[in-house]
Amino acid sequence: MKCLKLRYHYIPIWEKAALTLQEAAAYSGIGENKLREITNEKGNDLVLWNGNKRLIKRKPLDRFIEHHFSL
């Protein structure tokens, strides 16, 4: 019986569709607490929930950063 070897392919942050809080903080330069505060606001399109896990959509995050002068 042969064992199946899995190879893990790491996807660069700038190619991912959704980022964890830690990845989004590293990608954007915005702190994790500030990102948590922003994504807690109602009506934003930045957050994608996977159960209890908060994922931040990368493209809407880019647009959010482009349109805001300060946080």
PDB file of N, CA and C in Angstrom:
ATOM      1  N   MET A   1       0.835  -1.175   0.000  1.00  0.00           N
ATOM      2  CA  MET A   1       0.000   0.000   0.000  1.00  0.00           C
ATOM      3  C   MET A   1       0.886   1.247   0.000  1.00  0.00           C
ATOM      4  N   LYS A   2       0.660   2.126  -0.934  1.00  0.00           N
ATOM      5  CA  LYS A   2       1.462   3.337  -1.046  1.00  0.00           C
ATOM      6  C   LYS A   2       0.856   4.471  -0.226  1.00  0.00           C
ATOM      7  N   CYS A   3       1.733   5.273   0.340  1.00  0.00           N
ATOM      8  CA  CYS A   3       1.293   6.464   1.062  1.00  0.00           C
ATOM      9  C   CYS A   3       1.285   7.638   0.094  1.00  0.00           C
ATOM     10  N   LEU A   4       0.305   8.453   0.229  1.00  0.00           N
ATOM     11  CA  LEU A   4       0.187   9.636  -0.611  1.00  0.00           C
ATOM     12  C   LEU A   4       0.895  10.795   0.070  1.00  0.00           C
ATOM     13  N   LYS A   5       1.855  11.369  -0.606  1.00  0.00           N
ATOM     14  CA  LYS A   5       2.563  12.522  -0.062  1.00  0.00           C
ATOM     15  C   LYS A   5       1.887  13.787  -0.559  1.00  0.00           C
ATOM     16  N   LEU A   6       1.560  14.640   0.365  1.00  0.00           N
ATOM     17  CA  LEU A   6       0.936  15.912   0.009  1.00  0.00           C
ATOM     18  C   LEU A   6       1.987  16.996  -0.035  1.00  0.00           C
ATOM     19  N   ARG A   7       1.913  17.794  -1.036  1.00  0.00           N
ATOM     20  CA  ARG A   7       2.794  18.957  -1.136  1.00  0.00           C
ATOM     21  C   ARG A   7       1.941  20.189  -0.875  1.00  0.00           C
ATOM     22  N   TYR A   8       2.409  21.010   0.006  1.00  0.00           N
ATOM     23  CA  TYR A   8       1.688  22.225   0.325  1.00  0.00           C
ATOM     24  C   TYR A   8       2.236  23.359  -0.519  1.00  0.00           C
ATOM     25  N   HIS A   9       1.354  23.977  -1.219  1.00  0.00           N
ATOM     26  CA  HIS A   9       1.734  25.111  -2.053  1.00  0.00           C
ATOM     27  C   HIS A   9       1.344  26.383  -1.309  1.00  0.00           C
ATOM     28  N   TYR A  10       2.309  27.231  -1.093  1.00  0.00           N
ATOM     29  CA  TYR A  10       2.046  28.476  -0.403  1.00  0.00           C
ATOM     30  C   TYR A  10       1.691  29.543  -1.430  1.00  0.00           C
ATOM     31  N   ILE A  11       0.576  30.185  -1.186  1.00  0.00           N
ATOM     32  CA  ILE A  11       0.102  31.232  -2.082  1.00  0.00           C
ATOM     33  C   ILE A  11       0.533  32.572  -1.501  1.00  0.00           C
ATOM     34  N   PRO A  12       1.169  33.426  -2.287  1.00  0.00           N
ATOM     35  CA  PRO A  12       1.563  34.743  -1.777  1.00  0.00           C
ATOM     36  C   PRO A  12       0.338  35.547  -1.347  1.00  0.00           C
ATOM     37  N   ILE A  13       0.513  36.400  -0.347  1.00  0.00           N
ATOM     38  CA  ILE A  13      -0.590  37.190   0.202  1.00  0.00           C
ATOM     39  C   ILE A  13      -1.267  38.008  -0.889  1.00  0.00           C
ATOM     40  N   TRP A  14      -0.495  38.599  -1.792  1.00  0.00           N
ATOM     41  CA  TRP A  14      -1.083  39.476  -2.810  1.00  0.00           C
ATOM     42  C   TRP A  14      -1.890  38.718  -3.856  1.00  0.00           C
ATOM     43  N   GLU A  15      -1.870  37.381  -3.821  1.00  0.00           N
ATOM     44  CA  GLU A  15      -2.675  36.587  -4.746  1.00  0.00           C
ATOM     45  C   GLU A  15      -3.886  35.954  -4.076  1.00  0.00           C
ATOM     46  N   LYS A  16      -3.982  36.041  -2.763  1.00  0.00           N
ATOM     47  CA  LYS A  16      -5.108  35.448  -2.048  1.00  0.00           C
ATOM     48  C   LYS A  16      -6.350  36.314  -2.176  1.00  0.00           C
ATOM     49  N   ALA A  17      -7.509  35.678  -2.191  1.00  0.00           N
ATOM     50  CA  ALA A  17      -8.771  36.405  -2.257  1.00  0.00           C
ATOM     51  C   ALA A  17      -9.189  36.898  -0.879  1.00  0.00           C
ATOM     52  N   ALA A  18      -8.910  36.112   0.162  1.00  0.00           N
ATOM     53  CA  ALA A  18      -9.276  36.477   1.526  1.00  0.00           C
ATOM     54  C   ALA A  18      -8.077  36.258   2.449  1.00  0.00           C
ATOM     55  N   LEU A  19      -7.912  37.180   3.387  1.00  0.00           N
ATOM     56  CA  LEU A  19      -6.763  37.164   4.284  1.00  0.00           C
ATOM     57  C   LEU A  19      -7.213  37.030   5.729  1.00  0.00           C
ATOM     58  N   THR A  20      -6.394  36.392   6.549  1.00  0.00           N
ATOM     59  CA  THR A  20      -6.644  36.390   7.987  1.00  0.00           C
ATOM     60  C   THR A  20      -6.315  37.780   8.527  1.00  0.00           C
ATOM     61  N   LEU A  21      -6.685  38.048   9.764  1.00  0.00           N
ATOM     62  CA  LEU A  21      -6.370  39.343  10.367  1.00  0.00           C
ATOM     63  C   LEU A  21      -4.871  39.600  10.358  1.00  0.00           C
ATOM     64  N   GLN A  22      -4.084  38.587  10.674  1.00  0.00           N
ATOM     65  CA  GLN A  22      -2.635  38.737  10.717  1.00  0.00           C
ATOM     66  C   GLN A  22      -2.081  39.036   9.328  1.00  0.00           C
ATOM     67  N   GLU A  23      -2.568  38.325   8.323  1.00  0.00           N
ATOM     68  CA  GLU A  23      -2.115  38.559   6.948  1.00  0.00           C
ATOM     69  C   GLU A  23      -2.537  39.938   6.463  1.00  0.00           C
ATOM     70  N   ALA A  24      -3.772  40.334   6.764  1.00  0.00           N
ATOM     71  CA  ALA A  24      -4.269  41.641   6.341  1.00  0.00           C
ATOM     72  C   ALA A  24      -3.481  42.763   7.011  1.00  0.00           C
ATOM     73  N   ALA A  25      -3.095  42.572   8.266  1.00  0.00           N
ATOM     74  CA  ALA A  25      -2.298  43.575   8.972  1.00  0.00           C
ATOM     75  C   ALA A  25      -0.917  43.701   8.322  1.00  0.00           C
ATOM     76  N   ALA A  26      -0.297  42.588   7.994  1.00  0.00           N
ATOM     77  CA  ALA A  26       1.013  42.609   7.349  1.00  0.00           C
ATOM     78  C   ALA A  26       0.910  43.204   5.943  1.00  0.00           C
ATOM     79  N   TYR A  27      -0.147  42.885   5.234  1.00  0.00           N
ATOM     80  CA  TYR A  27      -0.352  43.347   3.852  1.00  0.00           C
ATOM     81  C   TYR A  27      -0.625  44.849   3.792  1.00  0.00           C
ATOM     82  N   SER A  28      -1.443  45.353   4.722  1.00  0.00           N
ATOM     83  CA  SER A  28      -1.915  46.731   4.635  1.00  0.00           C
ATOM     84  C   SER A  28      -1.149  47.717   5.507  1.00  0.00           C
ATOM     85  N   GLY A  29      -0.497  47.217   6.547  1.00  0.00           N
ATOM     86  CA  GLY A  29       0.162  48.113   7.488  1.00  0.00           C
ATOM     87  C   GLY A  29      -0.785  48.665   8.538  1.00  0.00           C
ATOM     88  N   ILE A  30      -2.017  48.180   8.552  1.00  0.00           N
ATOM     89  CA  ILE A  30      -3.015  48.568   9.552  1.00  0.00           C
ATOM     90  C   ILE A  30      -2.970  47.521  10.657  1.00  0.00           C
ATOM     91  N   GLY A  31      -3.029  47.940  11.901  1.00  0.00           N
ATOM     92  CA  GLY A  31      -2.953  47.012  13.021  1.00  0.00           C
ATOM     93  C   GLY A  31      -4.145  46.065  13.098  1.00  0.00           C
ATOM     94  N   GLU A  32      -3.929  44.931  13.735  1.00  0.00           N
ATOM     95  CA  GLU A  32      -4.988  43.926  13.858  1.00  0.00           C
ATOM     96  C   GLU A  32      -6.198  44.467  14.608  1.00  0.00           C
ATOM     97  N   ASN A  33      -5.980  45.222  15.680  1.00  0.00           N
ATOM     98  CA  ASN A  33      -7.109  45.768  16.445  1.00  0.00           C
ATOM     99  C   ASN A  33      -7.918  46.746  15.610  1.00  0.00           C
ATOM    100  N   LYS A  34      -7.259  47.576  14.824  1.00  0.00           N
ATOM    101  CA  LYS A  34      -7.964  48.529  13.964  1.00  0.00           C
ATOM    102  C   LYS A  34      -8.737  47.788  12.880  1.00  0.00           C
ATOM    103  N   LEU A  35      -8.156  46.745  12.304  1.00  0.00           N
ATOM    104  CA  LEU A  35      -8.865  45.944  11.304  1.00  0.00           C
ATOM    105  C   LEU A  35     -10.080  45.267  11.924  1.00  0.00           C
ATOM    106  N   ARG A  36      -9.935  44.785  13.141  1.00  0.00           N
ATOM    107  CA  ARG A  36     -11.053  44.165  13.850  1.00  0.00           C
ATOM    108  C   ARG A  36     -12.160  45.198  14.064  1.00  0.00           C
ATOM    109  N   GLU A  37     -11.783  46.411  14.446  1.00  0.00           N
ATOM    110  CA  GLU A  37     -12.748  47.491  14.665  1.00  0.00           C
ATOM    111  C   GLU A  37     -13.470  47.849  13.359  1.00  0.00           C
ATOM    112  N   ILE A  38     -12.730  47.963  12.275  1.00  0.00           N
ATOM    113  CA  ILE A  38     -13.313  48.308  10.978  1.00  0.00           C
ATOM    114  C   ILE A  38     -14.276  47.225  10.510  1.00  0.00           C
ATOM    115  N   THR A  39     -13.900  45.971  10.678  1.00  0.00           N
ATOM    116  CA  THR A  39     -14.738  44.877  10.182  1.00  0.00           C
ATOM    117  C   THR A  39     -15.921  44.592  11.096  1.00  0.00           C
ATOM    118  N   ASN A  40     -15.934  45.138  12.308  1.00  0.00           N
ATOM    119  CA  ASN A  40     -17.091  44.978  13.186  1.00  0.00           C
ATOM    120  C   ASN A  40     -18.234  45.913  12.806  1.00  0.00           C
ATOM    121  N   GLU A  41     -17.944  46.965  12.021  1.00  0.00           N
ATOM    122  CA  GLU A  41     -18.968  47.906  11.608  1.00  0.00           C
ATOM    123  C   GLU A  41     -19.984  47.207  10.705  1.00  0.00           C
ATOM    124  N   LYS A  42     -21.232  47.562  10.878  1.00  0.00           N
ATOM    125  CA  LYS A  42     -22.291  46.965  10.059  1.00  0.00           C
ATOM    126  C   LYS A  42     -22.254  47.543   8.652  1.00  0.00           C
ATOM    127  N   GLY A  43     -22.590  46.715   7.684  1.00  0.00           N
ATOM    128  CA  GLY A  43     -22.732  47.169   6.307  1.00  0.00           C
ATOM    129  C   GLY A  43     -21.450  47.250   5.502  1.00  0.00           C
ATOM    130  N   ASN A  44     -20.323  46.801   6.052  1.00  0.00           N
ATOM    131  CA  ASN A  44     -19.108  46.837   5.230  1.00  0.00           C
ATOM    132  C   ASN A  44     -18.987  45.544   4.442  1.00  0.00           C
ATOM    133  N   ASP A  45     -18.277  45.608   3.344  1.00  0.00           N
ATOM    134  CA  ASP A  45     -18.116  44.431   2.489  1.00  0.00           C
ATOM    135  C   ASP A  45     -16.718  43.833   2.603  1.00  0.00           C
ATOM    136  N   LEU A  46     -16.011  44.169   3.674  1.00  0.00           N
ATOM    137  CA  LEU A  46     -14.638  43.693   3.842  1.00  0.00           C
ATOM    138  C   LEU A  46     -14.544  42.296   4.428  1.00  0.00           C
ATOM    139  N   VAL A  47     -15.511  41.910   5.239  1.00  0.00           N
ATOM    140  CA  VAL A  47     -15.365  40.693   6.025  1.00  0.00           C
ATOM    141  C   VAL A  47     -16.124  39.513   5.413  1.00  0.00           C
ATOM    142  N   LEU A  48     -15.506  38.361   5.512  1.00  0.00           N
ATOM    143  CA  LEU A  48     -16.097  37.095   5.107  1.00  0.00           C
ATOM    144  C   LEU A  48     -15.950  36.170   6.301  1.00  0.00           C
ATOM    145  N   TRP A  49     -17.060  35.681   6.819  1.00  0.00           N
ATOM    146  CA  TRP A  49     -17.012  34.813   7.994  1.00  0.00           C
ATOM    147  C   TRP A  49     -16.992  33.359   7.563  1.00  0.00           C
ATOM    148  N   ASN A  50     -16.058  32.608   8.104  1.00  0.00           N
ATOM    149  CA  ASN A  50     -15.977  31.162   7.920  1.00  0.00           C
ATOM    150  C   ASN A  50     -16.160  30.559   9.305  1.00  0.00           C
ATOM    151  N   GLY A  51     -17.416  30.361   9.689  1.00  0.00           N
ATOM    152  CA  GLY A  51     -17.707  29.965  11.064  1.00  0.00           C
ATOM    153  C   GLY A  51     -17.399  31.145  11.968  1.00  0.00           C
ATOM    154  N   ASN A  52     -16.497  30.966  12.920  1.00  0.00           N
ATOM    155  CA  ASN A  52     -16.072  32.046  13.806  1.00  0.00           C
ATOM    156  C   ASN A  52     -14.824  32.748  13.295  1.00  0.00           C
ATOM    157  N   LYS A  53     -14.277  32.263  12.210  1.00  0.00           N
ATOM    158  CA  LYS A  53     -13.039  32.829  11.672  1.00  0.00           C
ATOM    159  C   LYS A  53     -13.357  34.009  10.758  1.00  0.00           C
ATOM    160  N   ARG A  54     -12.730  35.137  11.046  1.00  0.00           N
ATOM    161  CA  ARG A  54     -12.929  36.367  10.282  1.00  0.00           C
ATOM    162  C   ARG A  54     -11.861  36.437   9.194  1.00  0.00           C
ATOM    163  N   LEU A  55     -12.307  36.478   7.942  1.00  0.00           N
ATOM    164  CA  LEU A  55     -11.404  36.649   6.817  1.00  0.00           C
ATOM    165  C   LEU A  55     -11.706  37.993   6.166  1.00  0.00           C
ATOM    166  N   ILE A  56     -10.678  38.666   5.722  1.00  0.00           N
ATOM    167  CA  ILE A  56     -10.837  39.976   5.118  1.00  0.00           C
ATOM    168  C   ILE A  56     -10.575  39.853   3.621  1.00  0.00           C
ATOM    169  N   LYS A  57     -11.539  40.315   2.841  1.00  0.00           N
ATOM    170  CA  LYS A  57     -11.417  40.251   1.385  1.00  0.00           C
ATOM    171  C   LYS A  57     -10.361  41.246   0.929  1.00  0.00           C
ATOM    172  N   ARG A  58      -9.408  40.765   0.150  1.00  0.00           N
ATOM    173  CA  ARG A  58      -8.254  41.583  -0.231  1.00  0.00           C
ATOM    174  C   ARG A  58      -8.609  42.735  -1.154  1.00  0.00           C
ATOM    175  N   LYS A  59      -9.368  42.503  -2.216  1.00  0.00           N
ATOM    176  CA  LYS A  59      -9.681  43.572  -3.165  1.00  0.00           C
ATOM    177  C   LYS A  59     -10.524  44.677  -2.530  1.00  0.00           C
ATOM    178  N   PRO A  60     -11.581  44.344  -1.765  1.00  0.00           N
ATOM    179  CA  PRO A  60     -12.296  45.423  -1.063  1.00  0.00           C
ATOM    180  C   PRO A  60     -11.412  46.150  -0.049  1.00  0.00           C
ATOM    181  N   LEU A  61     -10.450  45.456   0.553  1.00  0.00           N
ATOM    182  CA  LEU A  61      -9.512  46.108   1.472  1.00  0.00           C
ATOM    183  C   LEU A  61      -8.657  47.120   0.709  1.00  0.00           C
ATOM    184  N   ASP A  62      -8.194  46.754  -0.483  1.00  0.00           N
ATOM    185  CA  ASP A  62      -7.425  47.684  -1.310  1.00  0.00           C
ATOM    186  C   ASP A  62      -8.242  48.925  -1.640  1.00  0.00           C
ATOM    187  N   ARG A  63      -9.519  48.728  -2.023  1.00  0.00           N
ATOM    188  CA  ARG A  63     -10.387  49.866  -2.344  1.00  0.00           C
ATOM    189  C   ARG A  63     -10.638  50.724  -1.110  1.00  0.00           C
ATOM    190  N   PHE A  64     -10.834  50.084   0.041  1.00  0.00           N
ATOM    191  CA  PHE A  64     -11.055  50.803   1.294  1.00  0.00           C
ATOM    192  C   PHE A  64      -9.866  51.708   1.602  1.00  0.00           C
ATOM    193  N   ILE A  65      -8.668  51.189   1.454  1.00  0.00           N
ATOM    194  CA  ILE A  65      -7.457  51.966   1.729  1.00  0.00           C
ATOM    195  C   ILE A  65      -7.328  53.132   0.743  1.00  0.00           C
ATOM    196  N   GLU A  66      -7.647  52.892  -0.524  1.00  0.00           N
ATOM    197  CA  GLU A  66      -7.544  53.945  -1.538  1.00  0.00           C
ATOM    198  C   GLU A  66      -8.485  55.113  -1.274  1.00  0.00           C
ATOM    199  N   HIS A  67      -9.660  54.836  -0.699  1.00  0.00           N
ATOM    200  CA  HIS A  67     -10.690  55.860  -0.534  1.00  0.00           C
ATOM    201  C   HIS A  67     -10.671  56.552   0.828  1.00  0.00           C
ATOM    202  N   HIS A  68      -9.817  56.150   1.737  1.00  0.00           N
ATOM    203  CA  HIS A  68      -9.778  56.767   3.068  1.00  0.00           C
ATOM    204  C   HIS A  68      -8.482  57.538   3.274  1.00  0.00           C
ATOM    205  N   PHE A  69      -8.636  58.700   3.842  1.00  0.00           N
ATOM    206  CA  PHE A  69      -7.490  59.554   4.130  1.00  0.00           C
ATOM    207  C   PHE A  69      -6.842  59.184   5.465  1.00  0.00           C
ATOM    208  N   SER A  70      -7.674  58.872   6.456  1.00  0.00           N
ATOM    209  CA  SER A  70      -7.162  58.481   7.765  1.00  0.00           C
ATOM    210  C   SER A  70      -8.101  57.462   8.388  1.00  0.00           C
ATOM    211  N   LEU A  71      -7.587  56.731   9.373  1.00  0.00           N
ATOM    212  CA  LEU A  71      -8.391  55.700  10.038  1.00  0.00           C
ATOM    213  C   LEU A  71      -8.572  56.044  11.500  1.00  0.00           C
TER     214      LEU A  71
END
